């Protein structure tokens, strides 16, 4: 099977390069975006209230790094 070309490749080339379908890649990217959002929110809370969320952002970043390094 050859690699898709044209407009379809815009959506499928990168996911295929990491051995995922378009929807598998979308799910992974959405989950990653959610974790980034939560880490950012925790960092903002910590900036205002230093006693809160002391390790939340760094823990989430480490978890994201682990997910990326274990991937395929």
Protein backbone atom coordinates (compact mmCIF):
# COMPACT_ATOMS: atom_id res chain seq x y z
CA UNK A 1 0.00 0.00 0.00
CA UNK A 2 1.46 3.36 -0.99
CA UNK A 3 1.40 6.48 1.12
CA UNK A 4 -1.60 8.74 0.54
CA UNK A 5 -1.05 11.87 -1.53
CA UNK A 6 -2.99 15.06 -2.05
CA UNK A 7 -5.41 16.55 0.47
CA UNK A 8 -5.85 13.27 2.36
CA UNK A 9 -2.11 13.17 3.15
CA UNK A 10 -2.47 16.46 5.01
CA UNK A 11 -4.51 14.57 7.63
CA UNK A 12 -2.95 11.12 7.51
CA UNK A 13 0.78 11.43 6.78
CA UNK A 14 1.92 12.37 10.28
CA UNK A 15 -0.32 9.89 12.13
CA UNK A 16 0.96 7.16 9.80
CA UNK A 17 4.55 8.17 10.59
CA UNK A 18 3.92 7.25 14.24
CA UNK A 19 1.99 4.09 13.32
CA UNK A 20 -1.43 5.46 14.21
CA UNK A 21 -4.65 6.01 12.34
CA UNK A 22 -6.04 9.52 12.06
CA UNK A 23 -8.51 8.87 14.91
CA UNK A 24 -5.95 7.14 17.15
CA UNK A 25 -3.69 10.15 16.73
CA UNK A 26 -6.59 12.53 17.37
CA UNK A 27 -7.41 10.73 20.62
CA UNK A 28 -3.78 10.85 21.78
CA UNK A 29 -3.45 14.54 20.86
CA UNK A 30 -6.72 15.48 22.59
CA UNK A 31 -5.68 13.64 25.76
CA UNK A 32 -2.30 15.36 25.65
CA UNK A 33 -3.97 18.75 25.17
CA UNK A 34 -6.19 18.07 28.17
CA UNK A 35 -3.20 17.21 30.33
CA UNK A 36 -1.40 20.37 29.17
CA UNK A 37 -4.48 22.42 30.02
CA UNK A 38 -4.66 20.88 33.51
CA UNK A 39 -0.94 21.39 34.10
CA UNK A 40 -1.24 25.03 33.03
CA UNK A 41 -4.25 25.58 35.28
CA UNK A 42 -2.43 24.00 38.22
CA UNK A 43 0.58 26.25 37.60
CA UNK A 44 -1.68 29.32 37.56
CA UNK A 45 -3.35 28.28 40.81
CA UNK A 46 0.08 27.65 42.36
CA UNK A 47 1.32 31.07 41.20
CA UNK A 48 -1.48 32.79 43.11
CA UNK A 49 -1.72 30.36 46.05
CA UNK A 50 1.74 28.82 46.56
CA UNK A 51 0.44 26.34 49.14
CA UNK A 52 -1.83 24.73 46.51
CA UNK A 53 -0.92 22.46 43.60
CA UNK A 54 2.72 22.35 44.67
CA UNK A 55 3.63 19.34 42.53
CA UNK A 56 0.65 18.97 40.19
CA UNK A 57 2.07 20.69 37.09
CA UNK A 58 5.49 19.01 37.31
CA UNK A 59 3.88 15.60 37.94
CA UNK A 60 1.66 15.98 34.87
CA UNK A 61 4.62 17.08 32.73
CA UNK A 62 6.60 14.02 33.86
CA UNK A 63 3.61 11.80 33.05
CA UNK A 64 3.34 13.34 29.58
CA UNK A 65 7.06 12.82 29.02
CA UNK A 66 6.75 9.17 30.04
CA UNK A 67 3.88 8.69 27.60
CA UNK A 68 5.87 10.23 24.77
CA UNK A 69 9.05 8.25 25.42
CA UNK A 70 7.16 4.91 25.69
CA UNK A 71 5.23 5.54 22.50
CA UNK A 72 5.85 3.05 19.68
